[in-house]
Amino acid sequence: MSKVIDISGFRELGPADLEPSANISGNLYRVLSSAYESEPIEDGIDHPSEVVIEKALHSPEHHNVLQLLRGFALDKHNPGFSSSVLRSLCRISQPGTSSWRADLIRRALLIDDVQIRDAAIQAAEHWGGSAISKVLAQHHEPIPWLHQYAKNVLRDLSE
């Protein structure tokens, strides 16, 4: 049974709520957490987190939102949430700049958690680009199945 996720509180945030001193971090974290707890991310199925992230990225303070999302995606102490944020982000067409995306993937691949690294490789696969290909080519994955996945993604990006 699917739950309805109330993102109305997030939609009502205005520019003042997105100031660095405001609690946009807590609000965005709360709404995304609720979305992930209510419904897992599945391949080929839209997820409510995508709408939340899109709205946040189109806010007047989108640079602050990018910093928050990077922090959420790289939180090694909360790998389930982090990998979900990465999987949601990779469904967004070209968030941030090319260098922002490549740096996010590079940092995520350095984290000692397989689900975060898996989500980072998925993001690399979805976003592509030469900067991301370079990051993936420099990564040495110790888990055999994930190493093979990264190798296949790199091959596909090179074609």
C-alpha atoms as a PDB file:
ATOM      1  CA  MET A   1       0.000   0.000   0.000  1.00  0.00           C
ATOM      2  CA  SER A   2       1.461   3.337  -1.057  1.00  0.00           C
ATOM      3  CA  LYS A   3       1.333   6.333   1.274  1.00  0.00           C
ATOM      4  CA  VAL A   4       0.663   9.897   0.214  1.00  0.00           C
ATOM      5  CA  ILE A   5       3.584  12.150   1.053  1.00  0.00           C
ATOM      6  CA  ASP A   6       2.718  15.661   2.141  1.00  0.00           C
ATOM      7  CA  ILE A   7       5.239  18.021   0.611  1.00  0.00           C
ATOM      8  CA  SER A   8       3.008  21.068   1.077  1.00  0.00           C
ATOM      9  CA  GLY A   9       5.213  22.385   3.878  1.00  0.00           C
ATOM     10  CA  PHE A  10       8.170  22.372   1.538  1.00  0.00           C
ATOM     11  CA  ARG A  11       6.225  24.026  -1.295  1.00  0.00           C
ATOM     12  CA  GLU A  12       5.313  26.891   0.999  1.00  0.00           C
ATOM     13  CA  LEU A  13       8.916  27.789   1.742  1.00  0.00           C
ATOM     14  CA  GLY A  14       9.771  31.245   0.493  1.00  0.00           C
ATOM     15  CA  PRO A  15      13.074  32.965  -0.292  1.00  0.00           C
ATOM     16  CA  ALA A  16      13.554  33.964   3.367  1.00  0.00           C
ATOM     17  CA  ASP A  17      13.255  30.316   4.391  1.00  0.00           C
ATOM     18  CA  LEU A  18      16.077  29.436   2.056  1.00  0.00           C
ATOM     19  CA  GLU A  19      18.611  31.764   3.644  1.00  0.00           C
ATOM     20  CA  PRO A  20      21.603  29.881   5.057  1.00  0.00           C
ATOM     21  CA  SER A  21      20.532  30.791   8.588  1.00  0.00           C
ATOM     22  CA  ALA A  22      17.014  29.429   8.123  1.00  0.00           C
ATOM     23  CA  ASN A  23      16.039  25.826   8.688  1.00  0.00           C
ATOM     24  CA  ILE A  24      15.903  24.815   5.017  1.00  0.00           C
ATOM     25  CA  SER A  25      18.289  22.003   5.865  1.00  0.00           C
ATOM     26  CA  GLY A  26      15.924  20.534   8.439  1.00  0.00           C
ATOM     27  CA  ASN A  27      12.865  21.054   6.255  1.00  0.00           C
ATOM     28  CA  LEU A  28      14.434  19.490   3.182  1.00  0.00           C
ATOM     29  CA  TYR A  29      15.861  16.620   5.229  1.00  0.00           C
ATOM     30  CA  ARG A  30      12.482  15.978   6.878  1.00  0.00           C
ATOM     31  CA  VAL A  31      10.545  15.939   3.614  1.00  0.00           C
ATOM     32  CA  LEU A  32      13.083  13.728   1.831  1.00  0.00           C
ATOM     33  CA  SER A  33      13.286  11.341   4.788  1.00  0.00           C
ATOM     34  CA  SER A  34       9.517  11.029   4.802  1.00  0.00           C
ATOM     35  CA  ALA A  35       9.508  10.315   1.077  1.00  0.00           C
ATOM     36  CA  TYR A  36      12.135   7.581   1.384  1.00  0.00           C
ATOM     37  CA  GLU A  37      10.484   6.003   4.421  1.00  0.00           C
ATOM     38  CA  SER A  38       7.099   5.928   2.703  1.00  0.00           C
ATOM     39  CA  GLU A  39       8.238   4.541  -0.600  1.00  0.00           C
ATOM     40  CA  PRO A  40      11.527   2.970  -1.712  1.00  0.00           C
ATOM     41  CA  ILE A  41      13.187   4.182  -4.900  1.00  0.00           C
ATOM     42  CA  GLU A  42      12.640   1.665  -7.677  1.00  0.00           C
ATOM     43  CA  ASP A  43      14.053   1.623 -11.185  1.00  0.00           C
ATOM     44  CA  GLY A  44      11.649   2.934 -13.796  1.00  0.00           C
ATOM     45  CA  ILE A  45       9.165   4.361 -11.272  1.00  0.00           C
ATOM     46  CA  ASP A  46       8.919   8.061 -10.446  1.00  0.00           C
ATOM     47  CA  HIS A  47       9.553   8.898  -6.801  1.00  0.00           C
ATOM     48  CA  PRO A  48       8.145  11.873  -4.815  1.00  0.00           C
ATOM     49  CA  SER A  49      11.678  12.894  -3.830  1.00  0.00           C
ATOM     50  CA  GLU A  50      12.300  13.923  -7.433  1.00  0.00           C
ATOM     51  CA  VAL A  51       9.574  16.585  -7.215  1.00  0.00           C
ATOM     52  CA  VAL A  52      10.941  17.852  -3.902  1.00  0.00           C
ATOM     53  CA  ILE A  53      14.486  18.113  -5.261  1.00  0.00           C
ATOM     54  CA  GLU A  54      13.364  19.757  -8.520  1.00  0.00           C
ATOM     55  CA  LYS A  55      11.410  22.409  -6.586  1.00  0.00           C
ATOM     56  CA  ALA A  56      14.334  23.031  -4.259  1.00  0.00           C
ATOM     57  CA  LEU A  57      16.755  23.343  -7.180  1.00  0.00           C
ATOM     58  CA  HIS A  58      14.503  25.902  -8.861  1.00  0.00           C
ATOM     59  CA  SER A  59      14.259  28.037  -5.748  1.00  0.00           C
ATOM     60  CA  PRO A  60      15.993  31.432  -5.580  1.00  0.00           C
ATOM     61  CA  GLU A  61      18.629  29.928  -3.269  1.00  0.00           C
ATOM     62  CA  HIS A  62      19.443  26.901  -5.438  1.00  0.00           C
ATOM     63  CA  HIS A  63      23.178  27.168  -4.659  1.00  0.00           C
ATOM     64  CA  ASN A  64      22.416  26.627  -0.966  1.00  0.00           C
ATOM     65  CA  VAL A  65      20.222  23.677  -1.934  1.00  0.00           C
ATOM     66  CA  LEU A  66      23.079  22.156  -3.943  1.00  0.00           C
ATOM     67  CA  GLN A  67      25.317  22.396  -0.860  1.00  0.00           C
ATOM     68  CA  LEU A  68      22.637  20.745   1.274  1.00  0.00           C
ATOM     69  CA  LEU A  69      22.063  17.954  -1.226  1.00  0.00           C
ATOM     70  CA  ARG A  70      25.803  17.333  -1.484  1.00  0.00           C
ATOM     71  CA  GLY A  71      25.973  17.091   2.298  1.00  0.00           C
ATOM     72  CA  PHE A  72      23.017  14.710   2.428  1.00  0.00           C
ATOM     73  CA  ALA A  73      24.470  12.534  -0.349  1.00  0.00           C
ATOM     74  CA  LEU A  74      27.875  12.294   1.316  1.00  0.00           C
ATOM     75  CA  ASP A  75      26.750  11.560   4.867  1.00  0.00           C
ATOM     76  CA  LYS A  76      28.606   8.344   5.630  1.00  0.00           C
ATOM     77  CA  HIS A  77      26.810   8.110   8.988  1.00  0.00           C
ATOM     78  CA  ASN A  78      23.438   7.754   7.255  1.00  0.00           C
ATOM     79  CA  PRO A  79      24.204   5.594   4.183  1.00  0.00           C
ATOM     80  CA  GLY A  80      20.610   4.590   3.442  1.00  0.00           C
ATOM     81  CA  PHE A  81      19.512   8.212   3.246  1.00  0.00           C
ATOM     82  CA  SER A  82      22.675   9.255   1.405  1.00  0.00           C
ATOM     83  CA  SER A  83      22.328   6.610  -1.278  1.00  0.00           C
ATOM     84  CA  SER A  84      18.640   7.496  -1.709  1.00  0.00           C
ATOM     85  CA  VAL A  85      19.532  11.160  -2.222  1.00  0.00           C
ATOM     86  CA  LEU A  86      22.140  10.172  -4.827  1.00  0.00           C
ATOM     87  CA  ARG A  87      19.625   7.940  -6.606  1.00  0.00           C
ATOM     88  CA  SER A  88      17.060  10.755  -6.597  1.00  0.00           C
ATOM     89  CA  LEU A  89      19.608  13.293  -7.806  1.00  0.00           C
ATOM     90  CA  CYS A  90      20.689  11.108 -10.710  1.00  0.00           C
ATOM     91  CA  ARG A  91      17.115  11.177 -11.990  1.00  0.00           C
ATOM     92  CA  ILE A  92      17.328  14.966 -12.247  1.00  0.00           C
ATOM     93  CA  SER A  93      18.703  16.145 -15.555  1.00  0.00           C
ATOM     94  CA  GLN A  94      22.035  17.856 -14.954  1.00  0.00           C
ATOM     95  CA  PRO A  95      21.730  19.306 -11.428  1.00  0.00           C
ATOM     96  CA  GLY A  96      24.446  21.833 -10.648  1.00  0.00           C
ATOM     97  CA  THR A  97      27.401  22.198 -12.966  1.00  0.00           C
ATOM     98  CA  SER A  98      29.397  19.462 -14.623  1.00  0.00           C
ATOM     99  CA  SER A  99      32.192  19.984 -12.109  1.00  0.00           C
ATOM    100  CA  TRP A 100      29.695  19.872  -9.192  1.00  0.00           C
ATOM    101  CA  ARG A 101      28.345  16.520 -10.421  1.00  0.00           C
ATOM    102  CA  ALA A 102      31.828  15.082 -11.011  1.00  0.00           C
ATOM    103  CA  ASP A 103      32.996  16.219  -7.565  1.00  0.00           C
ATOM    104  CA  LEU A 104      29.915  14.706  -5.926  1.00  0.00           C
ATOM    105  CA  ILE A 105      30.569  11.354  -7.597  1.00  0.00           C
ATOM    106  CA  ARG A 106      34.288  11.498  -6.788  1.00  0.00           C
ATOM    107  CA  ARG A 107      33.595  12.157  -3.102  1.00  0.00           C
ATOM    108  CA  ALA A 108      30.856   9.511  -2.919  1.00  0.00           C
ATOM    109  CA  LEU A 109      33.179   6.907  -4.420  1.00  0.00           C
ATOM    110  CA  LEU A 110      35.652   7.564  -1.582  1.00  0.00           C
ATOM    111  CA  ILE A 111      33.106   6.636   1.096  1.00  0.00           C
ATOM    112  CA  ASP A 112      33.516   3.222   2.678  1.00  0.00           C
ATOM    113  CA  ASP A 113      29.909   2.167   2.128  1.00  0.00           C
ATOM    114  CA  VAL A 114      28.930  -0.018  -0.803  1.00  0.00           C
ATOM    115  CA  GLN A 115      25.398   1.354  -1.198  1.00  0.00           C
ATOM    116  CA  ILE A 116      26.701   4.930  -1.476  1.00  0.00           C
ATOM    117  CA  ARG A 117      29.340   3.907  -4.014  1.00  0.00           C
ATOM    118  CA  ASP A 118      26.722   1.934  -5.967  1.00  0.00           C
ATOM    119  CA  ALA A 119      24.462   5.008  -6.044  1.00  0.00           C
ATOM    120  CA  ALA A 120      27.425   7.133  -7.165  1.00  0.00           C
ATOM    121  CA  ILE A 121      28.087   4.797 -10.085  1.00  0.00           C
ATOM    122  CA  GLN A 122      24.395   4.925 -10.979  1.00  0.00           C
ATOM    123  CA  ALA A 123      24.623   8.724 -10.983  1.00  0.00           C
ATOM    124  CA  ALA A 124      27.707   8.536 -13.213  1.00  0.00           C
ATOM    125  CA  GLU A 125      25.788   6.298 -15.600  1.00  0.00           C
ATOM    126  CA  HIS A 126      22.822   8.685 -15.773  1.00  0.00           C
ATOM    127  CA  TRP A 127      24.735  11.972 -16.015  1.00  0.00           C
ATOM    128  CA  GLY A 128      27.711  10.918 -18.139  1.00  0.00           C
ATOM    129  CA  GLY A 129      30.188  13.421 -19.508  1.00  0.00           C
ATOM    130  CA  SER A 130      33.955  13.537 -19.809  1.00  0.00           C
ATOM    131  CA  ALA A 131      34.581  14.848 -16.262  1.00  0.00           C
ATOM    132  CA  ILE A 132      32.548  12.015 -14.778  1.00  0.00           C
ATOM    133  CA  SER A 133      34.255   9.466 -17.039  1.00  0.00           C
ATOM    134  CA  LYS A 134      37.621  10.642 -15.695  1.00  0.00           C
ATOM    135  CA  VAL A 135      36.414  10.279 -12.109  1.00  0.00           C
ATOM    136  CA  LEU A 136      35.122   6.782 -12.776  1.00  0.00           C
ATOM    137  CA  ALA A 137      38.329   5.782 -14.581  1.00  0.00           C
ATOM    138  CA  GLN A 138      40.399   6.818 -11.538  1.00  0.00           C
ATOM    139  CA  HIS A 139      38.237   4.873  -9.078  1.00  0.00           C
ATOM    140  CA  HIS A 140      39.532   1.515  -7.855  1.00  0.00           C
ATOM    141  CA  GLU A 141      36.519  -0.424  -6.603  1.00  0.00           C
ATOM    142  CA  PRO A 142      37.324  -3.330  -4.241  1.00  0.00           C
ATOM    143  CA  ILE A 143      33.926  -5.073  -4.421  1.00  0.00           C
ATOM    144  CA  PRO A 144      33.978  -7.389  -7.488  1.00  0.00           C
ATOM    145  CA  TRP A 145      30.370  -6.943  -8.649  1.00  0.00           C
ATOM    146  CA  LEU A 146      30.540  -3.163  -8.172  1.00  0.00           C
ATOM    147  CA  HIS A 147      33.934  -3.055  -9.906  1.00  0.00           C
ATOM    148  CA  GLN A 148      32.377  -4.802 -12.906  1.00  0.00           C
ATOM    149  CA  TYR A 149      29.413  -2.404 -12.883  1.00  0.00           C
ATOM    150  CA  ALA A 150      31.750   0.624 -12.806  1.00  0.00           C
ATOM    151  CA  LYS A 151      33.811  -0.894 -15.631  1.00  0.00           C
ATOM    152  CA  ASN A 152      30.666  -1.423 -17.745  1.00  0.00           C
ATOM    153  CA  VAL A 153      29.446   2.127 -17.093  1.00  0.00           C
ATOM    154  CA  LEU A 154      32.846   3.539 -18.031  1.00  0.00           C
ATOM    155  CA  ARG A 155      32.837   1.495 -21.249  1.00  0.00           C
ATOM    156  CA  ASP A 156      29.330   2.743 -22.107  1.00  0.00           C
ATOM    157  CA  LEU A 157      30.300   6.355 -21.401  1.00  0.00           C
ATOM    158  CA  SER A 158      33.341   6.010 -23.662  1.00  0.00           C
ATOM    159  CA  GLU A 159      31.310   4.852 -26.661  1.00  0.00           C
END
